């Protein structure tokens, strides 16, 4: 076995030639801290190669218009900068990047690296369960955890970066039961104000734990009824938050809100069902796995059963906010992620006892794992299967010529 130093030098040399090859080897030895460092190197390479897309384009253009070359005092006194991603993380990120006159590639690479770092922070909270031999079934469930949130959602810059900050500290709290980590999990609100739903969910989940399962599941079934009625209660909540004039106007204005809700309903009715029902399919097979665990009297560790409670709580909140597609989809996706964390930990702790059911569990897990990966591969095929990404590196594109910014795909953005 090579030392960490030799392994790091090998990956460094390989990264110079092919960042993709170095990344694939890093995945193979993902337990190593050296591998995880080079995963972040690849995250920068990937982000800079893809450059701008979706929300990331607007965030970059926002930075270029309102930030570059301006004194910090003038920037902070300009109310326009708070209209597009006015959260503290976002403003801070753009302030720092504006000092360096960053190109689209650098901006996208930095954003992707930060997202990758906070995801690895969350991922490493499960290290107690993957630090030794990883059975196939447990490895498949761990991959389900990895792919619940699509990788390319780093383009949103704020929301899922903040979510993984919360998830990392929350998992750290569950392991250690040190309240400082639960307090630190509220930092997620600095990334995206809407993430206030997570600390609220923690409080609600604690209250429901104290009141018993009858109250919890009664509330859940009531939320299902609200979901059928599609009651739009989000504006009623947001209008009470102070200092959010832009949000209040766009969300609570009756005419605007009716049009938004109508567009969301049309998207649900006519959108691509393979993507619309992705999370529900993941949950359906996850619930089947849960039934097998119950039937075999699996031992649920009390320290982590709170993850199942958080799943139900977030699912309930997603149902109450079903009329708002963005709120409902994001909240439900977070619920599914916590549920798969719960499944992974439970199966790992009961692996020997589940020996007679391993084939059944592998088959059940294979469906959501394959589906979650394939939907990403198909949806992002234009970027993932571009020859520049496969054969390029930090210094040259696949033609062998030097590139101005590190990859040929994003020259059109300059």
Foldseek 3Di string as FASTA:
>chain_A
DDDPVVLLVVLVVVQQQALVVSLVVLVVVVLDPSSLVSVLVVLLLLQLAQQADDLLLVLVVLLVVQAAPDDPVSSVPDVVSCLRQNFQVSVVLSNVCNVVVDDSSNSRSVLSSLLSVLLVLLLCLCCVLVVDDDDPLLVLLSLLLVLLPPSVCSNNSFQSSLVSLLNNLVSVCLVPVDCVSNVSSVCSCSRPVVCVVVNVLVVVLVVDVVVDDVVLVVLLVVLLVLLVVLDACVLVPVCPDPPPVSCNCQCVVVVNPVVQLVVVVVCLVPPDCLVSCLLVLLVVLLVVLVVLCVVLVFDQDPSLCSLLSSLSSLQSVLSNNVSNPVSNVVSNSSSSSSSSVSSSVRCSVCVVSCVVCVVVSSVSSVVSSVSSVVVSCVVCVVSPVDQQNRRPHQADGNVRDGDDRRYDPPPVVD
